[in-house]
Amino acid sequence: MLQLLDLAGIYFRAFHGVPATTVGPAGQPVNAIRGTLDIVRRVMLDGNPTRVIACLDLDWRPAWRVELVPTYKTHRVAEAPADDNRSETAAKRNESTKARPLHEGETAIEEVPDLLSPQIPVLLEVLAAIGISTAGAPGFEADDVIGTLAGLEREDEVEVVTGDRDLFQLARDAPTVVRVRYVGAGMSRVVVLDMNAVAEKHDIPPGRYPDFAVLRGDPSDGLPGVAGVGDKTAAALISTYGSIEAVIEATKDPKSTLTKSQRQKLAPALDYLAVAPTVVRVAQDAPVTVWPAGDGRLPKAPVDPDRLLELSREYGLSSPVARLLDTLSSRD
């Protein structure tokens, strides 16, 4: 099995789940690193994959999504400094917060906790020294990287590990099975959902989660949805009409079976409905690069033990690293 890890989602969850008082020998924050290594170990134990690829946000707020829905992730943008050294200051912050340019002359900086930012490059070094592959695509989010790799897979079943409901849309039965290991409710309440389970959970036809999500919206991503349309109404509309495109056509057709209330809610949202599906649907054609090149096959032992030992000592990671290595070495 191939596990695709939503790494940004995992390290954010680890950062907020492990006390900030967890520090290394020099007092440096390591809670996100330690928590992430333990989560990765846990999902490996539960899923028993032979291949793992940790997927990265190389662009956390792609301009092509913002151009379609300007509110996309707006609430996560930190204000750029208003001074004469704005460009220089923003460039420095970009290095640690992964800011991405949206439009010419404008820089958006993702709000990342100051104690988290310096941990991310260390975490990536640790994963590389262990031999766990990473992947990314310029101009695309980790969701798109996961969607592309899952869509291309023809050898093994795929398990997507995430706390993001958007990735429910990737669950499928063919040509290879894709399931979602959802860690959004916490590691003690992890659920694994296949395509039918996603459909049953939301009372929608199989494979129609993106259409449902467009109607319902998602405040955490700055997607407004249709005012007055919640989960129940969104599910009913998709169950009746089958797709966003069909809902749009029904809204435009005065003879359709839409109720008066539904039509009054949908009509003002037609412009949004025309573009939102492109924003919500995970891309499956991102130009993904995997580091190191390969298929994410897990090693039995660390590929760079000397560097891993250095990092473990410098950041006080001996225990979580040892637990993860023990899991790797004991795999069938």
Protein backbone atom coordinates (compact mmCIF):
# COMPACT_ATOMS: atom_id res chain seq x y z
CA MET A 1 0.00 0.00 0.00
CA LEU A 2 1.03 3.57 -0.71
CA GLN A 3 0.40 6.10 2.06
CA LEU A 4 0.25 9.74 0.98
CA LEU A 5 0.73 12.07 3.93
CA ASP A 6 -0.73 15.58 4.07
CA LEU A 7 2.43 16.72 5.82
CA ALA A 8 1.49 20.36 6.46
CA GLY A 9 -1.78 19.28 8.02
CA ILE A 10 0.03 16.73 10.15
CA TYR A 11 2.71 19.07 11.47
CA PHE A 12 0.15 21.79 12.25
CA ARG A 13 -1.86 19.19 14.19
CA ALA A 14 1.30 18.02 15.98
CA PHE A 15 2.31 21.58 16.83
CA HIS A 16 -1.02 22.27 18.48
CA GLY A 17 -1.26 18.83 20.09
CA VAL A 18 2.16 18.63 21.76
CA PRO A 19 2.98 21.19 24.50
CA ALA A 20 5.12 24.14 23.41
CA THR A 21 7.30 23.42 26.45
CA THR A 22 8.69 20.45 24.52
CA VAL A 23 12.13 21.76 23.57
CA GLY A 24 15.53 20.50 22.47
CA PRO A 25 18.84 20.60 24.36
CA ALA A 26 19.43 24.24 23.43
CA GLY A 27 15.88 25.26 24.26
CA GLN A 28 14.73 25.23 20.64
CA PRO A 29 11.08 24.27 19.97
CA VAL A 30 10.64 20.68 18.77
CA ASN A 31 7.01 19.89 19.64
CA ALA A 32 5.89 19.82 15.98
CA ILE A 33 8.82 17.62 14.96
CA ARG A 34 8.33 15.11 17.76
CA GLY A 35 4.57 15.04 17.29
CA THR A 36 4.84 14.58 13.54
CA LEU A 37 7.29 11.70 13.86
CA ASP A 38 4.95 9.97 16.31
CA ILE A 39 1.92 10.52 14.06
CA VAL A 40 3.81 9.15 11.06
CA ARG A 41 4.82 6.11 13.12
CA ARG A 42 1.24 5.60 14.29
CA VAL A 43 -0.28 5.70 10.80
CA MET A 44 2.43 3.36 9.52
CA LEU A 45 1.62 0.88 12.27
CA ASP A 46 -2.09 1.10 11.54
CA GLY A 47 -1.90 1.08 7.75
CA ASN A 48 1.19 -1.11 7.25
CA PRO A 49 2.28 0.61 4.01
CA THR A 50 5.20 -0.49 1.88
CA ARG A 51 5.53 2.99 0.38
CA VAL A 52 5.13 6.44 1.96
CA ILE A 53 5.34 9.90 0.40
CA ALA A 54 4.98 13.05 2.51
CA CYS A 55 3.32 15.73 0.38
CA LEU A 56 4.18 19.42 0.73
CA ASP A 57 2.52 22.78 0.11
CA LEU A 58 4.88 24.52 -2.31
CA ASP A 59 2.11 27.10 -2.74
CA TRP A 60 -0.37 27.18 0.11
CA ARG A 61 -2.68 29.71 -1.66
CA PRO A 62 -2.30 29.37 -5.45
CA ALA A 63 -3.03 32.50 -7.45
CA TRP A 64 -5.21 30.57 -9.89
CA ARG A 65 -7.56 29.62 -7.06
CA VAL A 66 -7.58 33.15 -5.62
CA GLU A 67 -8.42 34.65 -9.02
CA LEU A 68 -11.55 32.50 -9.14
CA VAL A 69 -12.61 32.92 -5.49
CA PRO A 70 -10.82 35.98 -3.98
CA THR A 71 -11.79 35.00 -0.42
CA TYR A 72 -9.86 31.74 -0.69
CA LYS A 73 -7.80 31.41 2.52
CA THR A 74 -7.87 35.19 2.98
CA HIS A 75 -8.18 34.82 6.75
CA ARG A 76 -4.86 32.96 6.86
CA VAL A 77 -2.89 35.80 5.25
CA ALA A 78 -0.64 37.77 7.56
CA GLU A 79 -0.27 41.48 6.88
CA ALA A 80 2.94 42.44 5.14
CA PRO A 81 5.01 45.04 7.05
CA ALA A 82 4.20 48.62 6.12
CA ASP A 83 7.68 50.15 5.93
CA ASP A 84 10.32 51.12 3.41
CA ASN A 85 11.98 47.72 3.76
CA ARG A 86 8.78 45.83 2.98
CA SER A 87 10.25 43.75 0.14
CA GLU A 88 13.35 42.77 2.09
CA THR A 89 11.39 41.97 5.24
CA ALA A 90 8.79 39.98 3.32
CA ALA A 91 11.52 38.02 1.55
CA LYS A 92 13.05 37.05 4.89
CA ARG A 93 9.68 35.95 6.22
CA ASN A 94 9.03 34.01 3.05
CA GLU A 95 11.92 31.72 3.85
CA SER A 96 10.32 30.53 7.07
CA THR A 97 6.59 31.01 6.45
CA LYS A 98 6.46 29.90 2.82
CA ALA A 99 4.82 33.09 1.55
CA ARG A 100 3.68 32.92 -2.04
CA PRO A 101 3.18 35.83 -4.48
CA LEU A 102 -0.43 36.24 -5.52
CA HIS A 103 -0.28 39.05 -8.03
CA GLU A 104 2.41 41.33 -9.37
CA GLY A 105 3.57 43.63 -6.61
CA GLU A 106 1.67 41.79 -3.88
CA THR A 107 3.02 39.29 -1.40
CA ALA A 108 0.86 37.18 0.88
CA ILE A 109 2.39 35.61 3.94
CA GLU A 110 0.71 32.65 5.56
CA GLU A 111 0.20 33.04 9.27
CA VAL A 112 2.43 30.37 10.75
CA PRO A 113 3.18 30.36 14.49
CA ASP A 114 6.66 31.72 15.14
CA LEU A 115 7.60 28.58 17.10
CA LEU A 116 6.54 26.32 14.22
CA SER A 117 8.37 27.92 11.29
CA PRO A 118 11.94 26.94 12.32
CA GLN A 119 10.86 23.36 12.95
CA ILE A 120 9.71 22.65 9.39
CA PRO A 121 13.13 22.51 7.67
CA VAL A 122 14.48 20.37 10.51
CA LEU A 123 11.56 17.97 10.14
CA LEU A 124 12.22 17.68 6.42
CA GLU A 125 15.89 16.94 7.10
CA VAL A 126 14.95 14.22 9.57
CA LEU A 127 12.55 12.59 7.12
CA ALA A 128 15.20 12.73 4.38
CA ALA A 129 17.84 11.15 6.63
CA ILE A 130 15.44 8.37 7.56
CA GLY A 131 14.59 7.78 3.90
CA ILE A 132 10.95 8.89 3.79
CA SER A 133 10.22 10.51 0.45
CA THR A 134 8.67 13.96 0.05
CA ALA A 135 6.87 15.48 -2.93
CA GLY A 136 5.67 18.87 -4.12
CA ALA A 137 4.58 20.84 -7.16
CA PRO A 138 5.28 24.55 -7.84
CA GLY A 139 2.04 26.53 -7.84
CA PHE A 140 0.04 23.79 -6.15
CA GLU A 141 -1.03 22.76 -2.67
CA ALA A 142 -0.31 19.49 -0.92
CA ASP A 143 -3.89 18.43 -1.70
CA ASP A 144 -3.09 18.67 -5.42
CA VAL A 145 0.14 16.73 -5.00
CA ILE A 146 -1.78 13.99 -3.20
CA GLY A 147 -4.53 14.04 -5.82
CA THR A 148 -2.05 13.75 -8.66
CA LEU A 149 -0.07 10.90 -7.10
CA ALA A 150 -3.24 9.04 -6.11
CA GLY A 151 -4.67 9.49 -9.59
CA LEU A 152 -1.54 8.10 -11.22
CA GLU A 153 -1.20 5.06 -8.96
CA ARG A 154 -1.88 1.75 -10.68
CA GLU A 155 0.24 -0.66 -8.62
CA ASP A 156 -0.93 -0.43 -5.01
CA GLU A 157 -3.96 0.60 -3.03
CA VAL A 158 -3.63 4.16 -1.73
CA GLU A 159 -4.32 5.57 1.72
CA VAL A 160 -4.48 9.35 2.08
CA VAL A 161 -3.61 10.50 5.61
CA THR A 162 -5.12 13.90 6.38
CA GLY A 163 -7.20 16.02 8.69
CA ASP A 164 -8.66 17.91 5.73
CA ARG A 165 -12.18 16.96 4.62
CA ASP A 166 -11.44 18.27 1.10
CA LEU A 167 -9.51 15.09 0.43
CA PHE A 168 -12.60 12.93 0.95
CA GLN A 169 -13.19 13.53 -2.76
CA LEU A 170 -10.21 11.33 -3.65
CA ALA A 171 -11.79 8.15 -2.29
CA ARG A 172 -12.49 5.73 -5.16
CA ASP A 173 -12.93 2.06 -6.00
CA ALA A 174 -11.12 1.89 -9.35
CA PRO A 175 -8.76 1.60 -11.15
CA THR A 176 -7.00 1.24 -7.79
CA VAL A 177 -8.66 1.67 -4.41
CA VAL A 178 -8.10 4.99 -2.63
CA ARG A 179 -9.17 5.38 1.00
CA VAL A 180 -8.85 8.34 3.34
CA ARG A 181 -7.44 7.92 6.86
CA TYR A 182 -9.02 10.94 8.51
CA VAL A 183 -7.16 12.20 11.59
CA GLY A 184 -9.17 15.40 11.97
CA ALA A 185 -10.94 14.20 15.10
CA GLY A 186 -7.64 13.31 16.80
CA MET A 187 -5.50 10.19 16.74
CA SER A 188 -7.74 8.45 19.26
CA ARG A 189 -10.71 8.71 16.88
CA VAL A 190 -9.15 8.04 13.48
CA VAL A 191 -11.53 6.77 10.81
CA VAL A 192 -10.71 5.19 7.45
CA LEU A 193 -13.24 6.00 4.73
CA ASP A 194 -13.67 4.45 1.31
CA MET A 195 -15.81 5.97 -1.45
CA ASN A 196 -19.05 4.44 -0.18
CA ALA A 197 -18.36 5.44 3.42
CA VAL A 198 -17.82 9.05 2.33
CA ALA A 199 -21.13 8.94 0.45
CA GLU A 200 -22.98 7.40 3.38
CA LYS A 201 -21.47 9.85 5.87
CA HIS A 202 -22.83 12.82 3.91
CA ASP A 203 -25.91 11.19 2.37
CA ILE A 204 -24.76 11.90 -1.18
CA PRO A 205 -24.15 9.76 -4.29
CA PRO A 206 -20.70 8.13 -4.42
CA GLY A 207 -18.04 10.33 -5.98
CA ARG A 208 -19.98 13.60 -5.60
CA TYR A 209 -18.23 15.04 -2.54
CA PRO A 210 -16.74 18.06 -4.40
CA ASP A 211 -20.19 19.15 -5.61
CA PHE A 212 -21.55 18.84 -2.07
CA ALA A 213 -18.59 20.84 -0.71
CA VAL A 214 -19.10 23.66 -3.22
CA LEU A 215 -22.69 24.18 -2.08
CA ARG A 216 -21.97 23.85 1.64
CA GLY A 217 -18.80 25.93 1.59
CA ASP A 218 -15.88 25.74 4.00
CA PRO A 219 -15.11 28.71 6.27
CA SER A 220 -11.69 27.23 7.11
CA ASP A 221 -10.69 27.73 3.46
CA GLY A 222 -12.57 30.99 2.90
CA LEU A 223 -15.11 29.32 0.63
CA PRO A 224 -18.48 30.98 1.23
CA GLY A 225 -20.74 28.31 -0.22
CA VAL A 226 -24.33 29.25 -0.98
CA ALA A 227 -25.92 31.42 1.70
CA GLY A 228 -28.58 29.49 3.55
CA VAL A 229 -27.45 26.10 2.22
CA GLY A 230 -26.10 23.75 4.84
CA ASP A 231 -25.16 20.09 4.80
CA LYS A 232 -28.72 18.80 4.58
CA THR A 233 -29.82 21.03 1.70
CA ALA A 234 -26.53 20.56 -0.15
CA ALA A 235 -26.88 16.78 0.11
CA ALA A 236 -30.49 16.91 -1.08
CA LEU A 237 -29.61 19.05 -4.10
CA ILE A 238 -26.73 16.81 -5.16
CA SER A 239 -28.80 13.67 -4.59
CA THR A 240 -31.57 15.10 -6.76
CA TYR A 241 -29.56 16.68 -9.56
CA GLY A 242 -26.28 14.76 -9.43
CA SER A 243 -23.78 17.58 -10.00
CA ILE A 244 -23.14 21.30 -9.60
CA GLU A 245 -23.55 21.73 -13.34
CA ALA A 246 -27.02 20.19 -13.18
CA VAL A 247 -27.93 22.35 -10.17
CA ILE A 248 -26.90 25.45 -12.15
CA GLU A 249 -29.04 24.40 -15.10
CA ALA A 250 -32.00 23.74 -12.80
CA THR A 251 -31.58 27.18 -11.25
CA LYS A 252 -31.67 28.80 -14.68
CA ASP A 253 -34.69 26.75 -15.78
CA PRO A 254 -37.93 28.23 -14.43
CA LYS A 255 -39.66 24.88 -15.05
CA SER A 256 -37.23 22.80 -12.97
CA THR A 257 -38.29 21.01 -9.79
CA LEU A 258 -36.37 23.34 -7.48
CA THR A 259 -38.48 24.67 -4.63
CA LYS A 260 -39.07 28.41 -4.36
CA SER A 261 -36.79 28.56 -1.32
CA GLN A 262 -33.98 26.65 -3.06
CA ARG A 263 -34.19 28.87 -6.13
CA GLN A 264 -34.07 32.03 -4.03
CA LYS A 265 -30.87 30.81 -2.36
CA LEU A 266 -29.16 29.53 -5.50
CA ALA A 267 -29.94 32.31 -7.98
CA PRO A 268 -27.73 34.98 -6.32
CA ALA A 269 -24.87 32.45 -6.12
CA LEU A 270 -24.71 31.48 -9.81
CA ASP A 271 -21.46 33.37 -10.44
CA TYR A 272 -19.86 31.62 -7.46
CA LEU A 273 -21.18 28.23 -8.54
CA ALA A 274 -19.66 28.70 -12.00
CA VAL A 275 -16.09 29.00 -10.68
CA ALA A 276 -16.04 27.31 -7.27
CA PRO A 277 -15.85 23.72 -8.57
CA THR A 278 -12.42 24.45 -10.07
CA VAL A 279 -11.24 25.78 -6.71
CA VAL A 280 -12.70 22.95 -4.64
CA ARG A 281 -11.74 20.03 -6.85
CA VAL A 282 -8.28 18.70 -6.13
CA ALA A 283 -6.03 18.97 -9.17
CA GLN A 284 -4.82 15.68 -10.60
CA ASP A 285 -2.38 17.05 -13.15
CA ALA A 286 0.10 18.93 -10.96
CA PRO A 287 3.77 18.80 -12.06
CA VAL A 288 4.83 16.71 -9.07
CA THR A 289 8.44 16.01 -8.17
CA VAL A 290 9.30 13.30 -5.64
CA TRP A 291 12.50 13.58 -3.59
CA PRO A 292 14.47 11.40 -3.89
CA ALA A 293 13.25 10.19 -7.26
CA GLY A 294 11.39 6.93 -6.91
CA ASP A 295 8.14 5.41 -5.75
CA GLY A 296 8.42 6.12 -2.01
CA ARG A 297 9.52 2.61 -1.08
CA LEU A 298 10.26 2.54 2.67
CA PRO A 299 13.74 1.57 3.84
CA LYS A 300 14.41 -0.93 6.60
CA ALA A 301 17.14 1.31 8.03
CA PRO A 302 17.96 5.05 7.74
CA VAL A 303 19.57 6.07 4.47
CA ASP A 304 21.80 8.65 6.18
CA PRO A 305 22.40 7.36 9.73
CA ASP A 306 25.20 9.82 10.49
CA ARG A 307 23.10 12.88 9.68
CA LEU A 308 20.12 11.39 11.50
CA LEU A 309 22.24 10.89 14.61
CA GLU A 310 23.46 14.51 14.43
CA LEU A 311 19.90 15.82 14.13
CA SER A 312 18.66 13.56 16.91
CA ARG A 313 21.34 14.79 19.29
CA GLU A 314 21.07 18.48 18.34
CA TYR A 315 17.28 18.61 18.69
CA GLY A 316 16.68 15.93 21.33
CA LEU A 317 14.79 13.60 18.99
CA SER A 318 16.32 10.28 19.99
CA SER A 319 13.11 8.77 21.38
CA PRO A 320 10.67 9.54 18.52
CA VAL A 321 13.32 8.71 15.92
CA ALA A 322 14.08 5.39 17.62
CA ARG A 323 10.37 4.52 17.74
CA LEU A 324 9.93 5.29 14.05
CA LEU A 325 13.05 3.34 13.08
CA ASP A 326 11.86 0.38 15.12
CA THR A 327 8.59 0.47 13.17
CA LEU A 328 10.45 0.58 9.87
CA SER A 329 12.77 -2.29 10.76
CA SER A 330 9.96 -4.54 11.98
CA ARG A 331 7.79 -4.27 8.86
CA ASP A 332 6.95 -7.49 7.03
